[in-house]
């Protein structure tokens, strides 16, 4: 427990420090006196909070700015910051053997790197495993497919550091990659993926995996308030890193039967996501809906009486670059 708490403290501190550094250009281009982080910290009702470009000082490249499901402009820098916190704490936390630390950090860093590639280069036209495979059948290699292959490769590389047999290494690498993908599937609303990761990791802080899960708990807790306030989003970089870190912790500490069971459960949820919407399932279960909406801005109702966030797809333009720092 003490090692897990130490990892959480280091992860939180490292994630907040990285976030402050990475978002400095966006905060510098915000109008004086707003206390804003670029367009992301404006008050509700401000036109810039609805994703309108053209604010004074708009001279920062837009690669890391996106519109969220409500159309508000947010920064994607939360993802790299969270991954940095997890990796730093995984390497520094007391307890695990050096190769276990290295495996955890490699899994998270590799997932974050390929996730960031998809964040910055993807167009979002192909979604889900079925969408990427359909594009491949047409001769198109999507950034999402490159990301899946890359995360799979880094997952196997991380698993190989544990020096198990070839079958275990392949299974462990698959669990790391599947975990990275699963958490990303939940990253459709502010705070949802981070809450999922916290629910998965926090109870295990009393287990032997605590030193590897503490960094996840700390980094998530430190950056969750900004995400719930819709100033930032995890993006693929952050969500994939979270899932890979959770997978690496399971791989490092769980016996083979448990690892196989976890892989089966993760694979089942991933396949289920191809035929149903997690957002709709959550919205239909009162307890899940309350947990999902905890800490977020109230959901506005449309003129037709529906909820603003009741579907799987986000607002028009969600996830696309928004011009320049606005």
Protein backbone atom coordinates (compact mmCIF):
# COMPACT_ATOMS: atom_id res chain seq x y z
CA UNK A 1 0.00 0.00 0.00
CA UNK A 2 2.77 2.47 0.95
CA UNK A 3 4.58 1.87 -2.33
CA UNK A 4 1.34 2.41 -4.25
CA UNK A 5 0.70 5.68 -2.44
CA UNK A 6 4.27 6.79 -3.13
CA UNK A 7 3.73 6.03 -6.81
CA UNK A 8 0.50 8.00 -6.76
CA UNK A 9 2.19 11.07 -5.26
CA UNK A 10 5.04 10.96 -7.78
CA UNK A 11 2.64 10.34 -10.66
CA UNK A 12 0.42 13.25 -9.66
CA UNK A 13 3.33 15.66 -9.26
CA UNK A 14 4.97 14.62 -12.53
CA UNK A 15 1.70 14.80 -14.47
CA UNK A 16 0.83 18.27 -13.16
CA UNK A 17 4.34 19.55 -13.90
CA UNK A 18 4.26 18.16 -17.44
CA UNK A 19 0.79 19.60 -18.01
CA UNK A 20 1.89 23.05 -16.86
CA UNK A 21 4.87 23.00 -19.22
CA UNK A 22 3.02 21.57 -22.23
CA UNK A 23 0.09 23.99 -22.00
CA UNK A 24 2.23 27.09 -21.42
CA UNK A 25 2.00 28.28 -25.06
CA UNK A 26 -1.79 27.91 -25.03
CA UNK A 27 -2.12 29.78 -21.75
CA UNK A 28 0.25 32.49 -23.01
CA UNK A 29 -1.97 33.24 -25.99
CA UNK A 30 -5.11 33.67 -23.86
CA UNK A 31 -6.41 37.23 -23.42
CA UNK A 32 -5.04 38.93 -20.30
CA UNK A 33 -7.13 38.59 -17.18
CA UNK A 34 -9.15 35.59 -18.27
CA UNK A 35 -7.11 33.02 -16.37
CA UNK A 36 -7.70 30.89 -19.44
CA UNK A 37 -5.71 28.12 -20.88
CA UNK A 38 -6.08 29.30 -24.43
CA UNK A 39 -9.69 28.89 -25.45
CA UNK A 40 -10.16 26.14 -22.98
CA UNK A 41 -10.57 28.12 -19.81
CA UNK A 42 -13.20 30.64 -20.91
CA UNK A 43 -16.46 31.07 -19.11
CA UNK A 44 -19.63 29.35 -20.38
CA UNK A 45 -21.30 31.52 -22.98
CA UNK A 46 -18.08 33.09 -24.24
CA UNK A 47 -18.00 32.54 -28.02
CA UNK A 48 -14.49 31.14 -27.79
CA UNK A 49 -15.74 28.47 -25.37
CA UNK A 50 -17.99 27.21 -28.16
CA UNK A 51 -15.05 26.66 -30.48
CA UNK A 52 -15.10 29.91 -32.47
CA UNK A 53 -11.70 30.83 -33.86
CA UNK A 54 -10.21 34.27 -34.15
CA UNK A 55 -9.39 35.40 -30.63
CA UNK A 56 -6.62 37.94 -30.05
CA UNK A 57 -3.16 36.44 -29.82
CA UNK A 58 -4.08 33.44 -31.95
CA UNK A 59 -0.55 32.64 -32.96
CA UNK A 60 -0.04 29.17 -31.48
CA UNK A 61 -0.30 26.17 -33.85
CA UNK A 62 -3.53 24.24 -33.48
CA UNK A 63 -2.16 20.69 -33.59
CA UNK A 64 -3.04 20.07 -29.94
CA UNK A 65 -6.41 21.86 -29.87
CA UNK A 66 -9.67 20.04 -30.56
CA UNK A 67 -13.42 20.44 -30.17
CA UNK A 68 -14.98 18.12 -27.63
CA UNK A 69 -18.42 16.49 -27.85
CA UNK A 70 -20.08 19.82 -26.94
CA UNK A 71 -18.10 21.74 -29.52
CA UNK A 72 -15.87 23.45 -26.95
CA UNK A 73 -12.21 23.95 -27.72
CA UNK A 74 -9.95 21.90 -25.44
CA UNK A 75 -6.30 20.94 -25.35
CA UNK A 76 -5.04 17.43 -26.05
CA UNK A 77 -1.93 18.06 -23.95
CA UNK A 78 -3.54 16.22 -21.04
CA UNK A 79 -2.66 12.96 -22.79
CA UNK A 80 1.11 13.49 -23.09
CA UNK A 81 1.17 15.01 -19.59
CA UNK A 82 -0.59 12.01 -18.07
CA UNK A 83 1.67 9.57 -19.93
CA UNK A 84 4.72 11.48 -18.71
CA UNK A 85 3.51 11.25 -15.11
CA UNK A 86 2.79 7.54 -15.36
CA UNK A 87 6.15 6.76 -16.98
CA UNK A 88 8.17 8.88 -14.56
CA UNK A 89 6.48 7.42 -11.51
CA UNK A 90 6.77 3.86 -12.84
CA UNK A 91 10.53 4.30 -13.14
CA UNK A 92 10.94 5.96 -9.73
CA UNK A 93 8.48 4.16 -7.45
CA UNK A 94 10.13 1.88 -4.86
CA UNK A 95 9.59 -1.86 -4.95
CA UNK A 96 9.44 -3.35 -8.46
CA UNK A 97 12.48 -4.92 -10.10
CA UNK A 98 14.20 -2.78 -12.75
CA UNK A 99 12.87 -4.89 -15.63
CA UNK A 100 9.32 -4.58 -14.28
CA UNK A 101 9.68 -0.80 -14.06
CA UNK A 102 11.05 -0.73 -17.60
CA UNK A 103 8.21 -2.90 -18.92
CA UNK A 104 5.56 -0.65 -17.40
CA UNK A 105 7.19 2.54 -18.65
CA UNK A 106 7.75 1.12 -22.15
CA UNK A 107 4.15 -0.07 -22.43
CA UNK A 108 2.76 3.35 -21.44
CA UNK A 109 5.26 5.35 -23.49
CA UNK A 110 4.76 3.25 -26.62
CA UNK A 111 0.98 3.47 -26.37
CA UNK A 112 1.16 7.23 -25.81
CA UNK A 113 3.49 7.75 -28.77
CA UNK A 114 1.32 5.86 -31.24
CA UNK A 115 -1.81 7.40 -29.73
CA UNK A 116 -0.35 10.87 -30.24
CA UNK A 117 0.44 9.95 -33.84
CA UNK A 118 -3.22 9.09 -34.40
CA UNK A 119 -4.33 12.23 -32.53
CA UNK A 120 -2.25 14.49 -34.75
CA UNK A 121 -2.44 12.68 -38.09
CA UNK A 122 -5.76 10.82 -38.10
CA UNK A 123 -8.89 12.10 -39.82
CA UNK A 124 -11.40 10.05 -37.83
CA UNK A 125 -13.15 8.66 -40.91
CA UNK A 126 -12.49 5.02 -39.98
CA UNK A 127 -13.63 4.06 -36.47
CA UNK A 128 -13.34 0.82 -34.55
CA UNK A 129 -11.63 -2.41 -35.51
CA UNK A 130 -14.19 -3.09 -38.23
CA UNK A 131 -13.70 0.34 -39.77
CA UNK A 132 -9.92 0.04 -39.92
CA UNK A 133 -10.07 -3.48 -41.39
CA UNK A 134 -12.61 -2.33 -43.98
CA UNK A 135 -10.29 0.50 -44.98
CA UNK A 136 -7.39 -1.98 -45.25
CA UNK A 137 -9.51 -4.18 -47.53
CA UNK A 138 -9.84 -1.15 -49.83
CA UNK A 139 -6.06 -0.76 -49.83
CA UNK A 140 -6.01 2.12 -47.34
CA UNK A 141 -3.75 1.99 -44.29
CA UNK A 142 -5.32 4.23 -41.66
CA UNK A 143 -3.46 5.95 -38.85
CA UNK A 144 -5.64 3.97 -36.46
CA UNK A 145 -4.39 0.70 -37.93
CA UNK A 146 -0.80 1.91 -37.67
CA UNK A 147 -1.52 2.77 -34.05
CA UNK A 148 -2.97 -0.67 -33.29
CA UNK A 149 -0.01 -2.47 -34.84
CA UNK A 150 2.46 -0.14 -33.11
CA UNK A 151 0.86 -0.55 -29.69
CA UNK A 152 0.76 -4.30 -30.22
CA UNK A 153 4.48 -4.30 -31.02
CA UNK A 154 5.43 -2.15 -28.03
CA UNK A 155 3.18 -4.29 -25.84
CA UNK A 156 5.05 -7.43 -26.88
CA UNK A 157 8.38 -5.62 -26.41
CA UNK A 158 7.35 -4.60 -22.89
CA UNK A 159 6.19 -8.12 -22.09
CA UNK A 160 9.48 -9.56 -23.34
CA UNK A 161 11.31 -7.64 -20.61
CA UNK A 162 9.67 -9.92 -18.06
CA UNK A 163 11.62 -12.86 -19.54
CA UNK A 164 8.84 -15.40 -19.78
CA UNK A 165 8.31 -18.00 -22.50
CA UNK A 166 7.21 -17.03 -26.03
CA UNK A 167 3.56 -17.97 -25.48
CA UNK A 168 3.32 -15.95 -22.27
CA UNK A 169 5.07 -13.03 -23.94
CA UNK A 170 2.57 -12.98 -26.81
CA UNK A 171 -0.41 -13.29 -24.45
CA UNK A 172 0.97 -10.58 -22.18
CA UNK A 173 1.66 -8.27 -25.11
CA UNK A 174 -1.87 -8.83 -26.39
CA UNK A 175 -3.30 -7.99 -22.95
CA UNK A 176 -1.33 -4.73 -22.81
CA UNK A 177 -2.48 -3.74 -26.31
CA UNK A 178 -6.08 -4.78 -25.66
CA UNK A 179 -6.13 -2.77 -22.43
CA UNK A 180 -4.85 0.29 -24.29
CA UNK A 181 -7.62 -0.06 -26.85
CA UNK A 182 -10.37 -0.68 -24.30
CA UNK A 183 -9.70 2.44 -22.23
CA UNK A 184 -9.64 4.46 -25.45
CA UNK A 185 -13.13 3.18 -26.26
CA UNK A 186 -14.39 4.84 -23.08
CA UNK A 187 -12.82 8.20 -23.93
CA UNK A 188 -15.95 9.71 -25.46
CA UNK A 189 -17.00 12.04 -22.66
CA UNK A 190 -15.04 14.24 -20.23
CA UNK A 191 -13.54 12.16 -17.43
CA UNK A 192 -15.07 8.84 -18.46
CA UNK A 193 -11.84 7.02 -19.35
CA UNK A 194 -10.02 8.43 -16.31
CA UNK A 195 -12.86 7.34 -14.01
CA UNK A 196 -12.78 3.87 -15.55
CA UNK A 197 -9.03 3.66 -14.95
CA UNK A 198 -9.42 4.86 -11.36
CA UNK A 199 -12.14 2.31 -10.67
CA UNK A 200 -9.92 -0.43 -12.09
CA UNK A 201 -6.72 0.64 -10.33
CA UNK A 202 -7.69 2.07 -6.94
CA UNK A 203 -9.04 -1.16 -5.36
CA UNK A 204 -5.82 -2.95 -6.34
CA UNK A 205 -3.62 -0.53 -4.37
CA UNK A 206 -3.71 -3.12 -1.60
CA UNK A 207 -2.40 -5.83 -3.96
CA UNK A 208 1.15 -6.68 -5.10
CA UNK A 209 0.48 -4.58 -8.22
CA UNK A 210 0.19 -1.39 -6.13
CA UNK A 211 3.57 0.10 -7.11
CA UNK A 212 2.59 -0.05 -10.80
CA UNK A 213 -1.00 1.11 -10.29
CA UNK A 214 -0.19 4.02 -7.96
CA UNK A 215 1.19 6.10 -10.86
CA UNK A 216 -2.06 5.58 -12.78
CA UNK A 217 -4.17 6.68 -9.81
CA UNK A 218 -2.01 9.72 -9.11
CA UNK A 219 -1.76 10.97 -12.70
CA UNK A 220 -5.50 10.48 -13.32
CA UNK A 221 -6.48 12.22 -10.09
CA UNK A 222 -4.20 15.17 -10.78
CA UNK A 223 -5.54 15.90 -14.27
CA UNK A 224 -9.17 14.81 -13.93
CA UNK A 225 -10.42 18.22 -12.67
CA UNK A 226 -9.24 19.97 -15.85
CA UNK A 227 -10.89 17.34 -18.01
CA UNK A 228 -14.19 17.54 -16.11
CA UNK A 229 -14.10 21.34 -16.48
CA UNK A 230 -13.70 20.77 -20.25
CA UNK A 231 -10.36 22.49 -20.46
CA UNK A 232 -8.60 19.36 -21.71
CA UNK A 233 -9.12 15.86 -23.05
CA UNK A 234 -7.06 12.70 -22.87
CA UNK A 235 -7.08 11.95 -26.56
CA UNK A 236 -5.69 8.67 -27.83
CA UNK A 237 -2.27 9.46 -26.32
CA UNK A 238 -3.62 9.60 -22.78
CA UNK A 239 -6.31 6.93 -23.00
CA UNK A 240 -4.03 4.41 -24.70
CA UNK A 241 -1.27 5.08 -22.16
CA UNK A 242 -3.69 4.51 -19.27
CA UNK A 243 -4.91 1.21 -20.68
CA UNK A 244 -1.40 0.01 -21.45
CA UNK A 245 -0.24 0.88 -17.93
CA UNK A 246 -3.15 -1.06 -16.43
CA UNK A 247 -2.36 -3.99 -18.71
CA UNK A 248 1.32 -3.88 -17.80
CA UNK A 249 0.48 -3.99 -14.09
CA UNK A 250 -1.69 -7.07 -14.62
CA UNK A 251 0.95 -8.70 -16.78
CA UNK A 252 3.69 -8.12 -14.22
CA UNK A 253 1.84 -9.40 -11.15
CA UNK A 254 -1.10 -11.67 -12.08
CA UNK A 255 -0.74 -15.45 -12.57
CA UNK A 256 -1.37 -16.87 -16.03
CA UNK A 257 -5.03 -17.96 -15.43
CA UNK A 258 -5.91 -14.45 -14.25
CA UNK A 259 -4.13 -12.88 -17.21
CA UNK A 260 -6.00 -15.12 -19.63
CA UNK A 261 -9.31 -14.31 -17.94
CA UNK A 262 -8.57 -10.58 -18.10
CA UNK A 263 -7.65 -10.82 -21.77
CA UNK A 264 -10.90 -12.67 -22.49
CA UNK A 265 -12.95 -10.03 -20.67
CA UNK A 266 -11.20 -7.15 -22.41
CA UNK A 267 -11.58 -8.82 -25.81
CA UNK A 268 -15.28 -9.42 -25.17
CA UNK A 269 -15.87 -5.78 -24.27
CA UNK A 270 -13.94 -4.67 -27.35
CA UNK A 271 -16.04 -6.86 -29.64
CA UNK A 272 -19.21 -5.65 -27.91
CA UNK A 273 -18.23 -2.07 -28.73
CA UNK A 274 -18.45 -2.95 -32.42
CA UNK A 275 -22.17 -3.65 -32.16
CA UNK A 276 -23.35 -1.36 -29.35
CA UNK A 277 -22.60 2.09 -27.95
CA UNK A 278 -21.05 2.29 -24.49
CA UNK A 279 -22.52 5.80 -24.21
CA UNK A 280 -26.06 4.51 -24.71
CA UNK A 281 -25.56 1.63 -22.30
CA UNK A 282 -24.24 4.00 -19.64
CA UNK A 283 -27.11 6.44 -20.21
CA UNK A 284 -29.68 3.68 -19.68
CA UNK A 285 -28.28 2.50 -16.31
CA UNK A 286 -28.99 5.14 -13.63
CA UNK A 287 -26.01 4.29 -11.41
CA UNK A 288 -23.59 4.33 -14.34
CA UNK A 289 -25.14 7.53 -15.70
CA UNK A 290 -24.73 9.33 -12.37
CA UNK A 291 -21.12 8.20 -12.06
CA UNK A 292 -20.40 9.18 -15.65
CA UNK A 293 -21.87 12.66 -15.20
CA UNK A 294 -20.34 13.30 -11.77
CA UNK A 295 -18.23 16.44 -11.87
CA UNK A 296 -19.21 17.37 -15.42
CA UNK A 297 -21.19 20.37 -16.60
CA UNK A 298 -24.95 19.69 -16.66
CA UNK A 299 -26.25 18.10 -19.85
CA UNK A 300 -28.33 20.49 -21.91
CA UNK A 301 -31.46 19.26 -23.62
CA UNK A 302 -32.04 19.76 -27.33
CA UNK A 303 -35.16 21.33 -28.81
CA UNK A 304 -36.37 17.84 -29.64
CA UNK A 305 -36.08 16.87 -25.98
CA UNK A 306 -33.02 14.65 -26.30
CA UNK A 307 -29.82 14.85 -24.32
CA UNK A 308 -26.87 16.66 -25.81
CA UNK A 309 -24.59 13.70 -25.16
CA UNK A 310 -26.88 10.71 -25.68
CA UNK A 311 -25.17 9.13 -28.67
CA UNK A 312 -21.93 7.51 -29.56
CA UNK A 313 -20.77 10.15 -32.01
CA UNK A 314 -19.75 13.55 -30.77
CA UNK A 315 -20.66 16.98 -32.02
CA UNK A 316 -19.89 17.88 -35.63
CA UNK A 317 -16.17 18.45 -35.94
CA UNK A 318 -15.33 16.63 -32.72
CA UNK A 319 -11.68 15.61 -32.61
CA UNK A 320 -10.65 17.80 -35.56
CA UNK A 321 -8.11 20.63 -35.44
CA UNK A 322 -9.79 23.97 -34.80
CA UNK A 323 -7.55 26.43 -36.61
CA UNK A 324 -5.14 28.35 -34.44
CA UNK A 325 -5.05 28.99 -30.71
CA UNK A 326 -8.39 30.69 -30.24
